[in-house]
Every structure is written in structure tokens, then in C-alpha cells.
PDB file of N, CA and C in Angstrom:
ATOM      1  N   UNK A   1     164.450-152.509   8.767  1.00  0.00           N
ATOM      2  CA  UNK A   1     163.655-153.190   7.776  1.00  0.00           C
ATOM      3  C   UNK A   1     162.781-152.165   7.056  1.00  0.00           C
ATOM      4  N   UNK A   2     162.765-152.198   5.736  1.00  0.00           N
ATOM      5  CA  UNK A   2     161.994-151.248   4.942  1.00  0.00           C
ATOM      6  C   UNK A   2     160.511-151.583   4.997  1.00  0.00           C
ATOM      7  N   UNK A   3     159.699-150.545   5.065  1.00  0.00           N
ATOM      8  CA  UNK A   3     158.259-150.723   5.103  1.00  0.00           C
ATOM      9  C   UNK A   3     157.744-150.934   3.680  1.00  0.00           C
ATOM     10  N   UNK A   4     156.841-151.915   3.515  1.00  0.00           N
ATOM     11  CA  UNK A   4     156.311-152.225   2.195  1.00  0.00           C
ATOM     12  C   UNK A   4     155.356-151.132   1.738  1.00  0.00           C
ATOM     13  N   UNK A   5     155.424-150.790   0.455  1.00  0.00           N
ATOM     14  CA  UNK A   5     154.501-149.814  -0.120  1.00  0.00           C
ATOM     15  C   UNK A   5     153.520-150.486  -1.072  1.00  0.00           C
ATOM     16  N   UNK A   6     153.566-151.806  -1.150  1.00  0.00           N
ATOM     17  CA  UNK A   6     152.661-152.557  -2.015  1.00  0.00           C
ATOM     18  C   UNK A   6     151.254-152.521  -1.413  1.00  0.00           C
ATOM     19  N   UNK A   7     150.260-151.954  -2.133  1.00  0.00           N
ATOM     20  CA  UNK A   7     148.910-151.863  -1.567  1.00  0.00           C
ATOM     21  C   UNK A   7     148.300-153.219  -1.261  1.00  0.00           C
ATOM     22  N   UNK A   8     148.719-154.262  -1.967  1.00  0.00           N
ATOM     23  CA  UNK A   8     148.146-155.581  -1.700  1.00  0.00           C
ATOM     24  C   UNK A   8     148.579-156.116  -0.343  1.00  0.00           C
ATOM     25  N   UNK A   9     149.729-155.682   0.176  1.00  0.00           N
ATOM     26  CA  UNK A   9     150.166-156.114   1.506  1.00  0.00           C
ATOM     27  C   UNK A   9     149.207-155.615   2.582  1.00  0.00           C
ATOM     28  N   UNK A  10     148.758-154.379   2.457  1.00  0.00           N
ATOM     29  CA  UNK A  10     147.817-153.823   3.433  1.00  0.00           C
ATOM     30  C   UNK A  10     146.473-154.540   3.347  1.00  0.00           C
ATOM     31  N   UNK A  11     146.064-154.889   2.150  1.00  0.00           N
ATOM     32  CA  UNK A  11     144.795-155.602   1.977  1.00  0.00           C
ATOM     33  C   UNK A  11     144.893-156.998   2.572  1.00  0.00           C
ATOM     34  N   UNK A  12     146.005-157.676   2.340  1.00  0.00           N
ATOM     35  CA  UNK A  12     146.198-159.017   2.903  1.00  0.00           C
ATOM     36  C   UNK A  12     146.201-158.971   4.426  1.00  0.00           C
ATOM     37  N   UNK A  13     146.771-157.908   4.980  1.00  0.00           N
ATOM     38  CA  UNK A  13     146.795-157.772   6.439  1.00  0.00           C
ATOM     39  C   UNK A  13     145.385-157.503   6.973  1.00  0.00           C
ATOM     40  N   UNK A  14     144.639-156.647   6.295  1.00  0.00           N
ATOM     41  CA  UNK A  14     143.283-156.317   6.737  1.00  0.00           C
ATOM     42  C   UNK A  14     142.356-157.514   6.586  1.00  0.00           C
ATOM     43  N   UNK A  15     142.380-158.153   5.405  1.00  0.00           N
ATOM     44  CA  UNK A  15     141.524-159.309   5.133  1.00  0.00           C
ATOM     45  C   UNK A  15     142.374-160.579   5.238  1.00  0.00           C
ATOM     46  N   UNK A  16     142.835-160.856   6.456  1.00  0.00           N
ATOM     47  CA  UNK A  16     143.702-162.008   6.692  1.00  0.00           C
ATOM     48  C   UNK A  16     142.915-163.315   6.520  1.00  0.00           C
ATOM     49  N   UNK A  17     143.616-164.406   6.264  1.00  0.00           N
ATOM     50  CA  UNK A  17     142.985-165.714   6.093  1.00  0.00           C
ATOM     51  C   UNK A  17     142.225-166.052   7.380  1.00  0.00           C
ATOM     52  N   UNK A  18     140.954-166.382   7.213  1.00  0.00           N
ATOM     53  CA  UNK A  18     140.108-166.708   8.352  1.00  0.00           C
ATOM     54  C   UNK A  18     139.276-165.552   8.863  1.00  0.00           C
ATOM     55  N   UNK A  19     139.539-164.339   8.384  1.00  0.00           N
ATOM     56  CA  UNK A  19     138.768-163.168   8.827  1.00  0.00           C
ATOM     57  C   UNK A  19     137.316-163.314   8.397  1.00  0.00           C
ATOM     58  N   UNK A  20     136.401-162.817   9.235  1.00  0.00           N
ATOM     59  CA  UNK A  20     134.983-162.795   8.889  1.00  0.00           C
ATOM     60  C   UNK A  20     134.711-161.513   8.111  1.00  0.00           C
ATOM     61  N   UNK A  21     134.073-161.649   6.963  1.00  0.00           N
ATOM     62  CA  UNK A  21     133.764-160.502   6.115  1.00  0.00           C
ATOM     63  C   UNK A  21     132.332-160.614   5.611  1.00  0.00           C
ATOM     64  N   UNK A  22     131.872-159.507   5.067  1.00  0.00           N
ATOM     65  CA  UNK A  22     130.542-159.441   4.492  1.00  0.00           C
ATOM     66  C   UNK A  22     130.613-158.473   3.317  1.00  0.00           C
ATOM     67  N   UNK A  23     129.782-158.684   2.313  1.00  0.00           N
ATOM     68  CA  UNK A  23     129.701-157.705   1.227  1.00  0.00           C
ATOM     69  C   UNK A  23     129.132-156.415   1.796  1.00  0.00           C
ATOM     70  N   UNK A  24     129.664-155.284   1.374  1.00  0.00           N
ATOM     71  CA  UNK A  24     129.154-154.017   1.910  1.00  0.00           C
ATOM     72  C   UNK A  24     127.716-153.762   1.478  1.00  0.00           C
ATOM     73  N   UNK A  25     127.203-154.551   0.536  1.00  0.00           N
ATOM     74  CA  UNK A  25     125.804-154.457   0.117  1.00  0.00           C
ATOM     75  C   UNK A  25     124.919-155.448   0.871  1.00  0.00           C
ATOM     76  N   UNK A  26     125.508-156.227   1.789  1.00  0.00           N
ATOM     77  CA  UNK A  26     124.749-157.194   2.573  1.00  0.00           C
ATOM     78  C   UNK A  26     125.112-158.618   2.199  1.00  0.00           C
ATOM     79  N   UNK A  27     124.314-159.554   2.666  1.00  0.00           N
ATOM     80  CA  UNK A  27     124.567-160.955   2.374  1.00  0.00           C
ATOM     81  C   UNK A  27     125.084-161.693   3.584  1.00  0.00           C
ATOM     82  N   UNK A  28     125.479-162.966   3.395  1.00  0.00           N
ATOM     83  CA  UNK A  28     125.915-163.788   4.524  1.00  0.00           C
ATOM     84  C   UNK A  28     127.307-163.405   5.011  1.00  0.00           C
ATOM     85  N   UNK A  29     127.598-163.778   6.247  1.00  0.00           N
ATOM     86  CA  UNK A  29     128.960-163.639   6.760  1.00  0.00           C
ATOM     87  C   UNK A  29     129.798-164.727   6.098  1.00  0.00           C
ATOM     88  N   UNK A  30     130.975-164.335   5.628  1.00  0.00           N
ATOM     89  CA  UNK A  30     131.858-165.253   4.910  1.00  0.00           C
ATOM     90  C   UNK A  30     133.213-165.281   5.617  1.00  0.00           C
ATOM     91  N   UNK A  31     134.000-166.301   5.331  1.00  0.00           N
ATOM     92  CA  UNK A  31     135.367-166.404   5.848  1.00  0.00           C
ATOM     93  C   UNK A  31     136.336-166.246   4.679  1.00  0.00           C
ATOM     94  N   UNK A  32     137.408-165.475   4.898  1.00  0.00           N
ATOM     95  CA  UNK A  32     138.440-165.322   3.870  1.00  0.00           C
ATOM     96  C   UNK A  32     139.204-166.634   3.768  1.00  0.00           C
ATOM     97  N   UNK A  33     139.216-167.199   2.576  1.00  0.00           N
ATOM     98  CA  UNK A  33     139.900-168.470   2.325  1.00  0.00           C
ATOM     99  C   UNK A  33     141.325-168.248   1.821  1.00  0.00           C
ATOM    100  N   UNK A  34     141.474-167.283   0.908  1.00  0.00           N
ATOM    101  CA  UNK A  34     142.800-167.011   0.337  1.00  0.00           C
ATOM    102  C   UNK A  34     142.795-165.685  -0.411  1.00  0.00           C
ATOM    103  N   UNK A  35     143.984-165.258  -0.804  1.00  0.00           N
ATOM    104  CA  UNK A  35     144.165-164.070  -1.639  1.00  0.00           C
ATOM    105  C   UNK A  35     144.632-164.572  -2.999  1.00  0.00           C
ATOM    106  N   UNK A  36     144.106-163.987  -4.055  1.00  0.00           N
ATOM    107  CA  UNK A  36     144.468-164.447  -5.391  1.00  0.00           C
ATOM    108  C   UNK A  36     144.782-163.259  -6.284  1.00  0.00           C
ATOM    109  N   UNK A  37     145.687-163.470  -7.210  1.00  0.00           N
ATOM    110  CA  UNK A  37     146.050-162.420  -8.165  1.00  0.00           C
ATOM    111  C   UNK A  37     145.056-162.407  -9.313  1.00  0.00           C
ATOM    112  N   UNK A  38     144.688-161.212  -9.731  1.00  0.00           N
ATOM    113  CA  UNK A  38     143.828-161.026 -10.893  1.00  0.00           C
ATOM    114  C   UNK A  38     144.208-159.686 -11.499  1.00  0.00           C
ATOM    115  N   UNK A  39     144.903-159.717 -12.599  1.00  0.00           N
ATOM    116  CA  UNK A  39     145.429-158.494 -13.214  1.00  0.00           C
ATOM    117  C   UNK A  39     144.342-157.546 -13.697  1.00  0.00           C
ATOM    118  N   UNK A  40     143.117-158.029 -13.842  1.00  0.00           N
ATOM    119  CA  UNK A  40     142.027-157.188 -14.337  1.00  0.00           C
ATOM    120  C   UNK A  40     141.331-156.400 -13.235  1.00  0.00           C
ATOM    121  N   UNK A  41     141.643-156.666 -11.987  1.00  0.00           N
ATOM    122  CA  UNK A  41     140.972-155.996 -10.872  1.00  0.00           C
ATOM    123  C   UNK A  41     141.844-154.871 -10.338  1.00  0.00           C
ATOM    124  N   UNK A  42     141.228-153.986  -9.583  1.00  0.00           N
ATOM    125  CA  UNK A  42     141.948-152.841  -9.029  1.00  0.00           C
ATOM    126  C   UNK A  42     142.789-153.245  -7.821  1.00  0.00           C
ATOM    127  N   UNK A  43     143.387-152.272  -7.174  1.00  0.00           N
ATOM    128  CA  UNK A  43     144.231-152.449  -5.986  1.00  0.00           C
ATOM    129  C   UNK A  43     145.303-153.521  -6.176  1.00  0.00           C
ATOM    130  N   UNK A  44     146.072-153.355  -7.224  1.00  0.00           N
ATOM    131  CA  UNK A  44     147.183-154.259  -7.449  1.00  0.00           C
ATOM    132  C   UNK A  44     146.766-155.622  -7.968  1.00  0.00           C
ATOM    133  N   UNK A  45     145.534-155.741  -8.426  1.00  0.00           N
ATOM    134  CA  UNK A  45     145.091-157.002  -8.989  1.00  0.00           C
ATOM    135  C   UNK A  45     144.840-158.087  -7.960  1.00  0.00           C
ATOM    136  N   UNK A  46     144.525-157.718  -6.729  1.00  0.00           N
ATOM    137  CA  UNK A  46     144.288-158.704  -5.689  1.00  0.00           C
ATOM    138  C   UNK A  46     142.796-158.913  -5.499  1.00  0.00           C
ATOM    139  N   UNK A  47     142.380-160.160  -5.433  1.00  0.00           N
ATOM    140  CA  UNK A  47     140.995-160.468  -5.112  1.00  0.00           C
ATOM    141  C   UNK A  47     140.973-161.342  -3.867  1.00  0.00           C
ATOM    142  N   UNK A  48     139.869-161.284  -3.157  1.00  0.00           N
ATOM    143  CA  UNK A  48     139.719-162.030  -1.916  1.00  0.00           C
ATOM    144  C   UNK A  48     138.790-163.208  -2.196  1.00  0.00           C
ATOM    145  N   UNK A  49     139.276-164.409  -1.924  1.00  0.00           N
ATOM    146  CA  UNK A  49     138.472-165.612  -2.111  1.00  0.00           C
ATOM    147  C   UNK A  49     137.826-165.937  -0.766  1.00  0.00           C
ATOM    148  N   UNK A  50     136.495-166.018  -0.769  1.00  0.00           N
ATOM    149  CA  UNK A  50     135.741-166.252   0.466  1.00  0.00           C
ATOM    150  C   UNK A  50     134.915-167.515   0.337  1.00  0.00           C
ATOM    151  N   UNK A  51     134.558-168.071   1.502  1.00  0.00           N
ATOM    152  CA  UNK A  51     133.659-169.212   1.525  1.00  0.00           C
ATOM    153  C   UNK A  51     132.624-169.021   2.616  1.00  0.00           C
ATOM    154  N   UNK A  52     131.449-169.623   2.413  1.00  0.00           N
ATOM    155  CA  UNK A  52     130.345-169.523   3.357  1.00  0.00           C
ATOM    156  C   UNK A  52     129.416-170.701   3.115  1.00  0.00           C
ATOM    157  N   UNK A  53     128.537-170.936   4.076  1.00  0.00           N
ATOM    158  CA  UNK A  53     127.559-172.002   3.919  1.00  0.00           C
ATOM    159  C   UNK A  53     126.223-171.429   3.483  1.00  0.00           C
ATOM    160  N   UNK A  54     125.623-172.074   2.493  1.00  0.00           N
ATOM    161  CA  UNK A  54     124.270-171.781   2.048  1.00  0.00           C
ATOM    162  C   UNK A  54     123.478-173.034   2.393  1.00  0.00           C
ATOM    163  N   UNK A  55     122.852-173.027   3.569  1.00  0.00           N
ATOM    164  CA  UNK A  55     122.260-174.259   4.092  1.00  0.00           C
ATOM    165  C   UNK A  55     123.388-175.184   4.482  1.00  0.00           C
ATOM    166  N   UNK A  56     123.443-176.363   3.874  1.00  0.00           N
ATOM    167  CA  UNK A  56     124.522-177.314   4.155  1.00  0.00           C
ATOM    168  C   UNK A  56     125.597-177.297   3.072  1.00  0.00           C
ATOM    169  N   UNK A  57     125.383-176.497   2.028  1.00  0.00           N
ATOM    170  CA  UNK A  57     126.317-176.452   0.899  1.00  0.00           C
ATOM    171  C   UNK A  57     127.374-175.369   1.101  1.00  0.00           C
ATOM    172  N   UNK A  58     128.637-175.748   0.957  1.00  0.00           N
ATOM    173  CA  UNK A  58     129.746-174.801   1.060  1.00  0.00           C
ATOM    174  C   UNK A  58     129.894-174.085  -0.275  1.00  0.00           C
ATOM    175  N   UNK A  59     129.796-172.767  -0.236  1.00  0.00           N
ATOM    176  CA  UNK A  59     129.926-171.931  -1.434  1.00  0.00           C
ATOM    177  C   UNK A  59     131.262-171.197  -1.396  1.00  0.00           C
ATOM    178  N   UNK A  60     131.761-170.822  -2.558  1.00  0.00           N
ATOM    179  CA  UNK A  60     133.006-170.068  -2.677  1.00  0.00           C
ATOM    180  C   UNK A  60     132.798-168.967  -3.703  1.00  0.00           C
ATOM    181  N   UNK A  61     133.405-167.794  -3.438  1.00  0.00           N
ATOM    182  CA  UNK A  61     133.323-166.696  -4.382  1.00  0.00           C
ATOM    183  C   UNK A  61     134.562-165.833  -4.314  1.00  0.00           C
ATOM    184  N   UNK A  62     134.795-165.075  -5.377  1.00  0.00           N
ATOM    185  CA  UNK A  62     135.945-164.164  -5.467  1.00  0.00           C
ATOM    186  C   UNK A  62     135.403-162.742  -5.482  1.00  0.00           C
ATOM    187  N   UNK A  63     136.005-161.884  -4.667  1.00  0.00           N
ATOM    188  CA  UNK A  63     135.492-160.529  -4.506  1.00  0.00           C
ATOM    189  C   UNK A  63     136.621-159.510  -4.542  1.00  0.00           C
ATOM    190  N   UNK A  64     136.322-158.339  -5.082  1.00  0.00           N
ATOM    191  CA  UNK A  64     137.256-157.216  -5.014  1.00  0.00           C
ATOM    192  C   UNK A  64     137.282-156.730  -3.569  1.00  0.00           C
ATOM    193  N   UNK A  65     138.439-156.365  -3.044  1.00  0.00           N
ATOM    194  CA  UNK A  65     138.524-155.906  -1.659  1.00  0.00           C
ATOM    195  C   UNK A  65     137.610-154.717  -1.355  1.00  0.00           C
ATOM    196  N   UNK A  66     137.377-153.872  -2.350  1.00  0.00           N
ATOM    197  CA  UNK A  66     136.535-152.682  -2.147  1.00  0.00           C
ATOM    198  C   UNK A  66     135.089-153.048  -1.828  1.00  0.00           C
ATOM    199  N   UNK A  67     134.683-154.272  -2.139  1.00  0.00           N
ATOM    200  CA  UNK A  67     133.296-154.682  -1.930  1.00  0.00           C
ATOM    201  C   UNK A  67     133.068-155.346  -0.582  1.00  0.00           C
ATOM    202  N   UNK A  68     134.131-155.524   0.209  1.00  0.00           N
ATOM    203  CA  UNK A  68     134.029-156.250   1.472  1.00  0.00           C
ATOM    204  C   UNK A  68     134.230-155.347   2.679  1.00  0.00           C
ATOM    205  N   UNK A  69     133.590-155.730   3.796  1.00  0.00           N
ATOM    206  CA  UNK A  69     133.837-155.095   5.086  1.00  0.00           C
ATOM    207  C   UNK A  69     134.105-156.195   6.108  1.00  0.00           C
ATOM    208  N   UNK A  70     134.934-155.884   7.092  1.00  0.00           N
ATOM    209  CA  UNK A  70     135.196-156.829   8.170  1.00  0.00           C
ATOM    210  C   UNK A  70     133.985-156.906   9.090  1.00  0.00           C
ATOM    211  N   UNK A  71     133.774-158.071   9.686  1.00  0.00           N
ATOM    212  CA  UNK A  71     132.670-158.275  10.612  1.00  0.00           C
ATOM    213  C   UNK A  71     133.252-158.657  11.960  1.00  0.00           C
ATOM    214  N   UNK A  72     132.869-157.919  13.007  1.00  0.00           N
ATOM    215  CA  UNK A  72     133.346-158.215  14.360  1.00  0.00           C
ATOM    216  C   UNK A  72     132.745-159.519  14.862  1.00  0.00           C
ATOM    217  N   UNK A  73     131.449-159.697  14.640  1.00  0.00           N
ATOM    218  CA  UNK A  73     130.766-160.946  14.944  1.00  0.00           C
ATOM    219  C   UNK A  73     129.693-161.139  13.890  1.00  0.00           C
ATOM    220  N   UNK A  74     128.886-162.172  13.991  1.00  0.00           N
ATOM    221  CA  UNK A  74     127.905-162.471  12.936  1.00  0.00           C
ATOM    222  C   UNK A  74     126.836-161.401  12.773  1.00  0.00           C
ATOM    223  N   UNK A  75     126.714-160.492  13.724  1.00  0.00           N
ATOM    224  CA  UNK A  75     125.616-159.528  13.658  1.00  0.00           C
ATOM    225  C   UNK A  75     126.051-158.105  13.332  1.00  0.00           C
ATOM    226  N   UNK A  76     127.266-157.733  13.648  1.00  0.00           N
ATOM    227  CA  UNK A  76     127.647-156.320  13.567  1.00  0.00           C
ATOM    228  C   UNK A  76     128.888-156.091  12.706  1.00  0.00           C
ATOM    229  N   UNK A  77     128.724-155.566  11.468  1.00  0.00           N
ATOM    230  CA  UNK A  77     129.887-155.249  10.635  1.00  0.00           C
ATOM    231  C   UNK A  77     130.732-154.135  11.266  1.00  0.00           C
ATOM    232  N   UNK A  78     132.030-154.219  11.074  1.00  0.00           N
ATOM    233  CA  UNK A  78     132.930-153.179  11.576  1.00  0.00           C
ATOM    234  C   UNK A  78     132.826-151.961  10.686  1.00  0.00           C
ATOM    235  N   UNK A  79     132.754-150.800  11.271  1.00  0.00           N
ATOM    236  CA  UNK A  79     132.687-149.562  10.508  1.00  0.00           C
ATOM    237  C   UNK A  79     134.042-149.284   9.898  1.00  0.00           C
ATOM    238  N   UNK A  80     134.041-148.872   8.613  1.00  0.00           N
ATOM    239  CA  UNK A  80     135.291-148.548   7.941  1.00  0.00           C
ATOM    240  C   UNK A  80     135.558-147.062   8.077  1.00  0.00           C
ATOM    241  N   UNK A  81     136.809-146.727   8.313  1.00  0.00           N
ATOM    242  CA  UNK A  81     137.173-145.315   8.376  1.00  0.00           C
ATOM    243  C   UNK A  81     137.570-144.830   6.992  1.00  0.00           C
ATOM    244  N   UNK A  82     137.269-143.598   6.690  1.00  0.00           N
ATOM    245  CA  UNK A  82     137.565-143.033   5.365  1.00  0.00           C
ATOM    246  C   UNK A  82     138.909-142.391   5.361  1.00  0.00           C
TER     247      UNK A  82
END
């Protein structure tokens, strides 16, 4: 089986549906809801759709993969390797 060279495949694997993520600039812990195509964004035009609670209200946002980091638990973001 041939290995995929599509960069969006690696991003989808890293930020899988249900993964806990956080903006690398801070903010609430969010859950990855889906992957969406956006031709205007980098990394193959893939954006990550996340959801989180703000009090009792469910919020949704779209983020470039470069702006997100994985979170091991609600307190400690996973360190990214360069």
C-alpha cells in the first residue's frame, strides 16, 4: 500500500475527531468536531472545526492547524516537536 504524501492526511491524523486541543496562544480546551476544506488557508486548505462550552453555551470555531496544540488533559498542553 502506498504511503500518502497529502499534508492534510497527517493533520487529520494528528487532530482526529474528538481530540482535545487548545489555541497555542491560550484559551479554553476545545474538542475537534470536524475537518473542513478552505482553499484560502495554508497546509492544503484544511481547517479544524472545534467546539467548546462558554458557560452553558456551546460555541464553534474554525482554526488553522498551525494555531492549535494537542492537550493531554484539561491542564497540560502537549509539547510540539520541531
